[in-house]
């Protein structure tokens, strides 16, 4: 159900302002980074290095949130630049 909620929030964020997008990224990042912690615990405590635990899902649980957070900061910086640009009207 959490995946469904995050997916619906992400779809809704297409039509919303940057603050809503940032909140959606925050929620998804907390979920995915928490998943990554669970993967690490499984690797350390149980020794579960199966491809579904220590492979691509683990790496994507780290890379995707970090990339999304970086993109929110880039979007915010670009939005601030656009506000400061003078209009060159003829």
PDB file of N, CA and C in Angstrom:
ATOM      1  N   UNK A   1       0.814  -1.197   0.000  1.00  0.00           N
ATOM      2  CA  UNK A   1       0.000   0.000   0.000  1.00  0.00           C
ATOM      3  C   UNK A   1       0.855   1.257   0.000  1.00  0.00           C
ATOM      4  N   UNK A   2       2.029   1.191   0.643  1.00  0.00           N
ATOM      5  CA  UNK A   2       2.899   2.373   0.656  1.00  0.00           C
ATOM      6  C   UNK A   2       3.357   2.709  -0.758  1.00  0.00           C
ATOM      7  N   UNK A   3       3.664   1.695  -1.561  1.00  0.00           N
ATOM      8  CA  UNK A   3       4.071   1.944  -2.945  1.00  0.00           C
ATOM      9  C   UNK A   3       2.958   2.617  -3.735  1.00  0.00           C
ATOM     10  N   UNK A   4       1.730   2.192  -3.516  1.00  0.00           N
ATOM     11  CA  UNK A   4       0.589   2.792  -4.197  1.00  0.00           C
ATOM     12  C   UNK A   4       0.422   4.246  -3.782  1.00  0.00           C
ATOM     13  N   UNK A   5       0.531   4.522  -2.498  1.00  0.00           N
ATOM     14  CA  UNK A   5       0.389   5.892  -1.999  1.00  0.00           C
ATOM     15  C   UNK A   5       1.482   6.797  -2.559  1.00  0.00           C
ATOM     16  N   UNK A   6       2.703   6.302  -2.593  1.00  0.00           N
ATOM     17  CA  UNK A   6       3.808   7.098  -3.137  1.00  0.00           C
ATOM     18  C   UNK A   6       3.609   7.321  -4.632  1.00  0.00           C
ATOM     19  N   UNK A   7       3.155   6.312  -5.346  1.00  0.00           N
ATOM     20  CA  UNK A   7       2.904   6.454  -6.775  1.00  0.00           C
ATOM     21  C   UNK A   7       1.819   7.464  -7.087  1.00  0.00           C
ATOM     22  N   UNK A   8       0.723   7.424  -6.356  1.00  0.00           N
ATOM     23  CA  UNK A   8      -0.368   8.384  -6.566  1.00  0.00           C
ATOM     24  C   UNK A   8       0.097   9.794  -6.232  1.00  0.00           C
ATOM     25  N   UNK A   9       0.858   9.935  -5.149  1.00  0.00           N
ATOM     26  CA  UNK A   9       1.390  11.247  -4.782  1.00  0.00           C
ATOM     27  C   UNK A   9       2.319  11.777  -5.868  1.00  0.00           C
ATOM     28  N   UNK A  10       3.140  10.910  -6.436  1.00  0.00           N
ATOM     29  CA  UNK A  10       4.048  11.325  -7.506  1.00  0.00           C
ATOM     30  C   UNK A  10       3.271  11.769  -8.743  1.00  0.00           C
ATOM     31  N   UNK A  11       2.216  11.054  -9.081  1.00  0.00           N
ATOM     32  CA  UNK A  11       1.397  11.441 -10.235  1.00  0.00           C
ATOM     33  C   UNK A  11       0.728  12.786  -9.988  1.00  0.00           C
ATOM     34  N   UNK A  12       0.182  12.977  -8.798  1.00  0.00           N
ATOM     35  CA  UNK A  12      -0.463  14.251  -8.470  1.00  0.00           C
ATOM     36  C   UNK A  12       0.524  15.412  -8.481  1.00  0.00           C
ATOM     37  N   UNK A  13       1.777  15.146  -8.175  1.00  0.00           N
ATOM     38  CA  UNK A  13       2.763  16.226  -8.095  1.00  0.00           C
ATOM     39  C   UNK A  13       3.066  16.853  -9.454  1.00  0.00           C
ATOM     40  N   UNK A  14       2.716  16.177 -10.545  1.00  0.00           N
ATOM     41  CA  UNK A  14       2.925  16.768 -11.864  1.00  0.00           C
ATOM     42  C   UNK A  14       2.151  18.065 -12.036  1.00  0.00           C
ATOM     43  N   UNK A  15       1.006  18.181 -11.387  1.00  0.00           N
ATOM     44  CA  UNK A  15       0.149  19.347 -11.548  1.00  0.00           C
ATOM     45  C   UNK A  15       0.212  20.295 -10.358  1.00  0.00           C
ATOM     46  N   UNK A  16       1.180  20.113  -9.490  1.00  0.00           N
ATOM     47  CA  UNK A  16       1.272  20.927  -8.280  1.00  0.00           C
ATOM     48  C   UNK A  16       2.563  21.740  -8.282  1.00  0.00           C
ATOM     49  N   UNK A  17       2.687  22.607  -7.287  1.00  0.00           N
ATOM     50  CA  UNK A  17       3.863  23.463  -7.172  1.00  0.00           C
ATOM     51  C   UNK A  17       5.058  22.679  -6.620  1.00  0.00           C
ATOM     52  N   UNK A  18       6.201  23.345  -6.588  1.00  0.00           N
ATOM     53  CA  UNK A  18       7.449  22.695  -6.181  1.00  0.00           C
ATOM     54  C   UNK A  18       7.408  22.208  -4.732  1.00  0.00           C
ATOM     55  N   UNK A  19       6.717  22.909  -3.856  1.00  0.00           N
ATOM     56  CA  UNK A  19       6.647  22.485  -2.451  1.00  0.00           C
ATOM     57  C   UNK A  19       5.965  21.123  -2.326  1.00  0.00           C
ATOM     58  N   UNK A  20       4.934  20.885  -3.118  1.00  0.00           N
ATOM     59  CA  UNK A  20       4.257  19.586  -3.102  1.00  0.00           C
ATOM     60  C   UNK A  20       5.192  18.504  -3.630  1.00  0.00           C
ATOM     61  N   UNK A  21       5.929  18.827  -4.692  1.00  0.00           N
ATOM     62  CA  UNK A  21       6.896  17.871  -5.243  1.00  0.00           C
ATOM     63  C   UNK A  21       7.966  17.537  -4.208  1.00  0.00           C
ATOM     64  N   UNK A  22       8.435  18.548  -3.472  1.00  0.00           N
ATOM     65  CA  UNK A  22       9.450  18.322  -2.443  1.00  0.00           C
ATOM     66  C   UNK A  22       8.910  17.426  -1.337  1.00  0.00           C
ATOM     67  N   UNK A  23       7.654  17.619  -0.966  1.00  0.00           N
ATOM     68  CA  UNK A  23       7.050  16.767   0.061  1.00  0.00           C
ATOM     69  C   UNK A  23       6.924  15.328  -0.437  1.00  0.00           C
ATOM     70  N   UNK A  24       6.568  15.156  -1.702  1.00  0.00           N
ATOM     71  CA  UNK A  24       6.470  13.807  -2.270  1.00  0.00           C
ATOM     72  C   UNK A  24       7.838  13.134  -2.300  1.00  0.00           C
ATOM     73  N   UNK A  25       8.864  13.882  -2.660  1.00  0.00           N
ATOM     74  CA  UNK A  25      10.228  13.341  -2.673  1.00  0.00           C
ATOM     75  C   UNK A  25      10.664  12.982  -1.259  1.00  0.00           C
ATOM     76  N   UNK A  26      10.320  13.819  -0.295  1.00  0.00           N
ATOM     77  CA  UNK A  26      10.675  13.546   1.103  1.00  0.00           C
ATOM     78  C   UNK A  26      10.035  12.242   1.581  1.00  0.00           C
ATOM     79  N   UNK A  27       8.760  12.071   1.313  1.00  0.00           N
ATOM     80  CA  UNK A  27       8.063  10.857   1.750  1.00  0.00           C
ATOM     81  C   UNK A  27       8.647   9.614   1.081  1.00  0.00           C
ATOM     82  N   UNK A  28       8.862   9.684  -0.216  1.00  0.00           N
ATOM     83  CA  UNK A  28       9.425   8.535  -0.928  1.00  0.00           C
ATOM     84  C   UNK A  28      10.853   8.248  -0.472  1.00  0.00           C
ATOM     85  N   UNK A  29      11.617   9.296  -0.193  1.00  0.00           N
ATOM     86  CA  UNK A  29      13.002   9.113   0.245  1.00  0.00           C
ATOM     87  C   UNK A  29      13.079   8.447   1.610  1.00  0.00           C
ATOM     88  N   UNK A  30      12.214   8.856   2.520  1.00  0.00           N
ATOM     89  CA  UNK A  30      12.191   8.222   3.843  1.00  0.00           C
ATOM     90  C   UNK A  30      11.861   6.741   3.695  1.00  0.00           C
ATOM     91  N   UNK A  31      10.883   6.434   2.860  1.00  0.00           N
ATOM     92  CA  UNK A  31      10.488   5.043   2.645  1.00  0.00           C
ATOM     93  C   UNK A  31      11.634   4.227   2.041  1.00  0.00           C
ATOM     94  N   UNK A  32      12.247   4.745   0.979  1.00  0.00           N
ATOM     95  CA  UNK A  32      13.287   3.991   0.281  1.00  0.00           C
ATOM     96  C   UNK A  32      14.574   3.878   1.093  1.00  0.00           C
ATOM     97  N   UNK A  33      14.963   4.945   1.779  1.00  0.00           N
ATOM     98  CA  UNK A  33      16.168   4.861   2.608  1.00  0.00           C
ATOM     99  C   UNK A  33      15.939   3.942   3.802  1.00  0.00           C
ATOM    100  N   UNK A  34      14.716   3.906   4.315  1.00  0.00           N
ATOM    101  CA  UNK A  34      14.383   2.938   5.360  1.00  0.00           C
ATOM    102  C   UNK A  34      14.484   1.517   4.843  1.00  0.00           C
ATOM    103  N   UNK A  35      14.053   1.323   3.605  1.00  0.00           N
ATOM    104  CA  UNK A  35      14.222   0.017   2.954  1.00  0.00           C
ATOM    105  C   UNK A  35      15.697  -0.367   2.871  1.00  0.00           C
ATOM    106  N   UNK A  36      16.541   0.596   2.520  1.00  0.00           N
ATOM    107  CA  UNK A  36      17.977   0.332   2.413  1.00  0.00           C
ATOM    108  C   UNK A  36      18.553  -0.089   3.759  1.00  0.00           C
ATOM    109  N   UNK A  37      18.095   0.545   4.833  1.00  0.00           N
ATOM    110  CA  UNK A  37      18.539   0.150   6.177  1.00  0.00           C
ATOM    111  C   UNK A  37      18.131  -1.291   6.452  1.00  0.00           C
ATOM    112  N   UNK A  38      16.927  -1.661   6.050  1.00  0.00           N
ATOM    113  CA  UNK A  38      16.473  -3.040   6.211  1.00  0.00           C
ATOM    114  C   UNK A  38      17.341  -4.022   5.439  1.00  0.00           C
ATOM    115  N   UNK A  39      17.749  -3.631   4.225  1.00  0.00           N
ATOM    116  CA  UNK A  39      18.635  -4.488   3.437  1.00  0.00           C
ATOM    117  C   UNK A  39      19.981  -4.669   4.141  1.00  0.00           C
ATOM    118  N   UNK A  40      20.519  -3.576   4.667  1.00  0.00           N
ATOM    119  CA  UNK A  40      21.809  -3.657   5.367  1.00  0.00           C
ATOM    120  C   UNK A  40      21.690  -4.558   6.588  1.00  0.00           C
ATOM    121  N   UNK A  41      20.614  -4.418   7.331  1.00  0.00           N
ATOM    122  CA  UNK A  41      20.415  -5.277   8.502  1.00  0.00           C
ATOM    123  C   UNK A  41      20.362  -6.741   8.094  1.00  0.00           C
ATOM    124  N   UNK A  42      19.657  -7.035   7.014  1.00  0.00           N
ATOM    125  CA  UNK A  42      19.584  -8.414   6.532  1.00  0.00           C
ATOM    126  C   UNK A  42      20.962  -8.932   6.123  1.00  0.00           C
ATOM    127  N   UNK A  43      21.761  -8.072   5.518  1.00  0.00           N
ATOM    128  CA  UNK A  43      23.102  -8.497   5.108  1.00  0.00           C
ATOM    129  C   UNK A  43      24.001  -8.736   6.315  1.00  0.00           C
ATOM    130  N   UNK A  44      23.943  -7.848   7.300  1.00  0.00           N
ATOM    131  CA  UNK A  44      24.849  -7.939   8.450  1.00  0.00           C
ATOM    132  C   UNK A  44      24.405  -9.012   9.437  1.00  0.00           C
ATOM    133  N   UNK A  45      23.133  -9.024   9.794  1.00  0.00           N
ATOM    134  CA  UNK A  45      22.654  -9.920  10.852  1.00  0.00           C
ATOM    135  C   UNK A  45      22.447 -11.343  10.345  1.00  0.00           C
ATOM    136  N   UNK A  46      21.784 -11.478   9.208  1.00  0.00           N
ATOM    137  CA  UNK A  46      21.408 -12.802   8.706  1.00  0.00           C
ATOM    138  C   UNK A  46      22.390 -13.312   7.652  1.00  0.00           C
ATOM    139  N   UNK A  47      23.155 -12.413   7.056  1.00  0.00           N
ATOM    140  CA  UNK A  47      24.056 -12.818   5.981  1.00  0.00           C
ATOM    141  C   UNK A  47      23.335 -13.023   4.664  1.00  0.00           C
ATOM    142  N   UNK A  48      22.229 -12.319   4.473  1.00  0.00           N
ATOM    143  CA  UNK A  48      21.415 -12.452   3.268  1.00  0.00           C
ATOM    144  C   UNK A  48      22.002 -11.571   2.161  1.00  0.00           C
ATOM    145  N   UNK A  49      22.794 -12.175   1.299  1.00  0.00           N
ATOM    146  CA  UNK A  49      23.377 -11.463   0.178  1.00  0.00           C
ATOM    147  C   UNK A  49      22.757 -11.919  -1.142  1.00  0.00           C
ATOM    148  N   UNK A  50      21.512 -12.341  -1.094  1.00  0.00           N
ATOM    149  CA  UNK A  50      20.792 -12.752  -2.300  1.00  0.00           C
ATOM    150  C   UNK A  50      20.645 -11.543  -3.231  1.00  0.00           C
ATOM    151  N   UNK A  51      20.572 -11.783  -4.544  1.00  0.00           N
ATOM    152  CA  UNK A  51      20.450 -10.669  -5.489  1.00  0.00           C
ATOM    153  C   UNK A  51      19.250  -9.756  -5.215  1.00  0.00           C
ATOM    154  N   UNK A  52      18.174 -10.293  -4.686  1.00  0.00           N
ATOM    155  CA  UNK A  52      17.009  -9.469  -4.381  1.00  0.00           C
ATOM    156  C   UNK A  52      17.162  -8.633  -3.127  1.00  0.00           C
ATOM    157  N   UNK A  53      18.204  -8.894  -2.348  1.00  0.00           N
ATOM    158  CA  UNK A  53      18.428  -8.122  -1.124  1.00  0.00           C
ATOM    159  C   UNK A  53      19.681  -7.257  -1.226  1.00  0.00           C
ATOM    160  N   UNK A  54      20.763  -7.808  -1.725  1.00  0.00           N
ATOM    161  CA  UNK A  54      22.029  -7.076  -1.765  1.00  0.00           C
ATOM    162  C   UNK A  54      22.366  -6.586  -3.164  1.00  0.00           C
ATOM    163  N   UNK A  55      21.518  -6.827  -4.118  1.00  0.00           N
ATOM    164  CA  UNK A  55      21.805  -6.443  -5.494  1.00  0.00           C
ATOM    165  C   UNK A  55      21.196  -5.106  -5.865  1.00  0.00           C
ATOM    166  N   UNK A  56      20.621  -5.071  -7.036  1.00  0.00           N
ATOM    167  CA  UNK A  56      20.065  -3.846  -7.593  1.00  0.00           C
ATOM    168  C   UNK A  56      19.018  -3.181  -6.699  1.00  0.00           C
ATOM    169  N   UNK A  57      18.100  -3.917  -6.073  1.00  0.00           N
ATOM    170  CA  UNK A  57      17.128  -3.238  -5.200  1.00  0.00           C
ATOM    171  C   UNK A  57      17.794  -2.424  -4.087  1.00  0.00           C
ATOM    172  N   UNK A  58      18.849  -2.963  -3.505  1.00  0.00           N
ATOM    173  CA  UNK A  58      19.560  -2.243  -2.444  1.00  0.00           C
ATOM    174  C   UNK A  58      20.173  -0.953  -2.980  1.00  0.00           C
ATOM    175  N   UNK A  59      20.857  -1.047  -4.118  1.00  0.00           N
ATOM    176  CA  UNK A  59      21.504   0.140  -4.676  1.00  0.00           C
ATOM    177  C   UNK A  59      20.481   1.183  -5.113  1.00  0.00           C
ATOM    178  N   UNK A  60      19.386   0.747  -5.692  1.00  0.00           N
ATOM    179  CA  UNK A  60      18.364   1.696  -6.133  1.00  0.00           C
ATOM    180  C   UNK A  60      17.655   2.351  -4.951  1.00  0.00           C
ATOM    181  N   UNK A  61      17.556   1.647  -3.828  1.00  0.00           N
ATOM    182  CA  UNK A  61      16.968   2.244  -2.624  1.00  0.00           C
ATOM    183  C   UNK A  61      17.832   3.373  -2.082  1.00  0.00           C
ATOM    184  N   UNK A  62      19.075   3.431  -2.498  1.00  0.00           N
ATOM    185  CA  UNK A  62      19.963   4.516  -2.080  1.00  0.00           C
ATOM    186  C   UNK A  62      20.070   5.582  -3.171  1.00  0.00           C
ATOM    187  N   UNK A  63      20.272   5.151  -4.412  1.00  0.00           N
ATOM    188  CA  UNK A  63      20.513   6.085  -5.512  1.00  0.00           C
ATOM    189  C   UNK A  63      19.274   6.919  -5.841  1.00  0.00           C
ATOM    190  N   UNK A  64      18.116   6.300  -5.941  1.00  0.00           N
ATOM    191  CA  UNK A  64      16.904   7.025  -6.350  1.00  0.00           C
ATOM    192  C   UNK A  64      16.535   8.166  -5.400  1.00  0.00           C
ATOM    193  N   UNK A  65      16.513   7.950  -4.079  1.00  0.00           N
ATOM    194  CA  UNK A  65      16.192   9.076  -3.199  1.00  0.00           C
ATOM    195  C   UNK A  65      17.227  10.199  -3.269  1.00  0.00           C
ATOM    196  N   UNK A  66      18.508   9.839  -3.336  1.00  0.00           N
ATOM    197  CA  UNK A  66      19.538  10.875  -3.404  1.00  0.00           C
ATOM    198  C   UNK A  66      19.422  11.682  -4.693  1.00  0.00           C
ATOM    199  N   UNK A  67      19.142  11.002  -5.793  1.00  0.00           N
ATOM    200  CA  UNK A  67      18.955  11.693  -7.066  1.00  0.00           C
ATOM    201  C   UNK A  67      17.714  12.584  -7.029  1.00  0.00           C
ATOM    202  N   UNK A  68      16.631  12.090  -6.476  1.00  0.00           N
ATOM    203  CA  UNK A  68      15.400  12.880  -6.393  1.00  0.00           C
ATOM    204  C   UNK A  68      15.596  14.123  -5.525  1.00  0.00           C
ATOM    205  N   UNK A  69      16.285  13.968  -4.404  1.00  0.00           N
ATOM    206  CA  UNK A  69      16.552  15.115  -3.527  1.00  0.00           C
ATOM    207  C   UNK A  69      17.420  16.138  -4.254  1.00  0.00           C
ATOM    208  N   UNK A  70      18.435  15.673  -4.965  1.00  0.00           N
ATOM    209  CA  UNK A  70      19.296  16.584  -5.725  1.00  0.00           C
ATOM    210  C   UNK A  70      18.494  17.330  -6.786  1.00  0.00           C
ATOM    211  N   UNK A  71      17.579  16.636  -7.454  1.00  0.00           N
ATOM    212  CA  UNK A  71      16.766  17.282  -8.488  1.00  0.00           C
ATOM    213  C   UNK A  71      15.818  18.320  -7.908  1.00  0.00           C
ATOM    214  N   UNK A  72      15.322  18.105  -6.702  1.00  0.00           N
ATOM    215  CA  UNK A  72      14.478  19.117  -6.050  1.00  0.00           C
ATOM    216  C   UNK A  72      15.298  20.379  -5.791  1.00  0.00           C
ATOM    217  N   UNK A  73      16.534  20.212  -5.309  1.00  0.00           N
ATOM    218  CA  UNK A  73      17.386  21.375  -5.064  1.00  0.00           C
ATOM    219  C   UNK A  73      17.725  22.104  -6.359  1.00  0.00           C
ATOM    220  N   UNK A  74      17.982  21.368  -7.432  1.00  0.00           N
ATOM    221  CA  UNK A  74      18.263  21.992  -8.727  1.00  0.00           C
ATOM    222  C   UNK A  74      17.029  22.743  -9.226  1.00  0.00           C
ATOM    223  N   UNK A  75      15.857  22.158  -9.078  1.00  0.00           N
ATOM    224  CA  UNK A  75      14.618  22.815  -9.496  1.00  0.00           C
ATOM    225  C   UNK A  75      14.385  24.090  -8.708  1.00  0.00           C
ATOM    226  N   UNK A  76      14.658  24.049  -7.414  1.00  0.00           N
ATOM    227  CA  UNK A  76      14.493  25.239  -6.571  1.00  0.00           C
ATOM    228  C   UNK A  76      15.453  26.331  -7.009  1.00  0.00           C
ATOM    229  N   UNK A  77      16.703  25.968  -7.292  1.00  0.00           N
ATOM    230  CA  UNK A  77      17.685  26.954  -7.741  1.00  0.00           C
ATOM    231  C   UNK A  77      17.272  27.560  -9.079  1.00  0.00           C
ATOM    232  N   UNK A  78      16.771  26.741  -9.997  1.00  0.00           N
ATOM    233  CA  UNK A  78      16.318  27.251 -11.294  1.00  0.00           C
ATOM    234  C   UNK A  78      15.099  28.139 -11.147  1.00  0.00           C
ATOM    235  N   UNK A  79      14.200  27.800 -10.239  1.00  0.00           N
ATOM    236  CA  UNK A  79      13.018  28.633 -10.008  1.00  0.00           C
ATOM    237  C   UNK A  79      13.436  29.993  -9.465  1.00  0.00           C
ATOM    238  N   UNK A  80      14.421  30.016  -8.583  1.00  0.00           N
ATOM    239  CA  UNK A  80      14.908  31.288  -8.044  1.00  0.00           C
ATOM    240  C   UNK A  80      15.593  32.115  -9.120  1.00  0.00           C
ATOM    241  N   UNK A  81      16.330  31.482 -10.030  1.00  0.00           N
ATOM    242  CA  UNK A  81      16.987  32.200 -11.125  1.00  0.00           C
ATOM    243  C   UNK A  81      15.954  32.839 -12.038  1.00  0.00           C
ATOM    244  N   UNK A  82      14.904  32.089 -12.357  1.00  0.00           N
ATOM    245  CA  UNK A  82      13.877  32.606 -13.261  1.00  0.00           C
ATOM    246  C   UNK A  82      13.165  33.805 -12.664  1.00  0.00           C
ATOM    247  N   UNK A  83      13.029  33.845 -11.350  1.00  0.00           N
ATOM    248  CA  UNK A  83      12.368  34.984 -10.707  1.00  0.00           C
ATOM    249  C   UNK A  83      13.223  36.243 -10.804  1.00  0.00           C
ATOM    250  N   UNK A  84      14.555  36.086 -10.833  1.00  0.00           N
ATOM    251  CA  UNK A  84      15.455  37.237 -10.840  1.00  0.00           C
ATOM    252  C   UNK A  84      15.762  37.753 -12.236  1.00  0.00           C
ATOM    253  N   UNK A  85      15.476  36.987 -13.273  1.00  0.00           N
ATOM    254  CA  UNK A  85      15.801  37.419 -14.627  1.00  0.00           C
ATOM    255  C   UNK A  85      14.895  38.565 -15.053  1.00  0.00           C
ATOM    256  N   UNK A  86      15.485  39.623 -15.640  1.00  0.00           N
ATOM    257  CA  UNK A  86      14.644  40.717 -16.135  1.00  0.00           C
ATOM    258  C   UNK A  86      13.955  40.298 -17.434  1.00  0.00           C
ATOM    259  N   UNK A  87      12.807  40.862 -17.667  1.00  0.00           N
ATOM    260  CA  UNK A  87      12.091  40.594 -18.916  1.00  0.00           C
ATOM    261  C   UNK A  87      12.628  41.515 -19.996  1.00  0.00           C
ATOM    262  N   UNK A  88      13.020  40.961 -21.109  1.00  0.00           N
ATOM    263  CA  UNK A  88      13.516  41.753 -22.240  1.00  0.00           C
ATOM    264  C   UNK A  88      12.412  41.861 -23.280  1.00  0.00           C
ATOM    265  N   UNK A  89      11.479  42.716 -22.994  1.00  0.00           N
ATOM    266  CA  UNK A  89      10.370  42.904 -23.928  1.00  0.00           C
ATOM    267  C   UNK A  89      10.709  44.016 -24.900  1.00  0.00           C
ATOM    268  N   UNK A  90      10.343  43.864 -26.186  1.00  0.00           N
ATOM    269  CA  UNK A  90      10.634  44.920 -27.177  1.00  0.00           C
ATOM    270  C   UNK A  90       9.750  46.127 -26.996  1.00  0.00           C
TER     271      UNK A  90
END
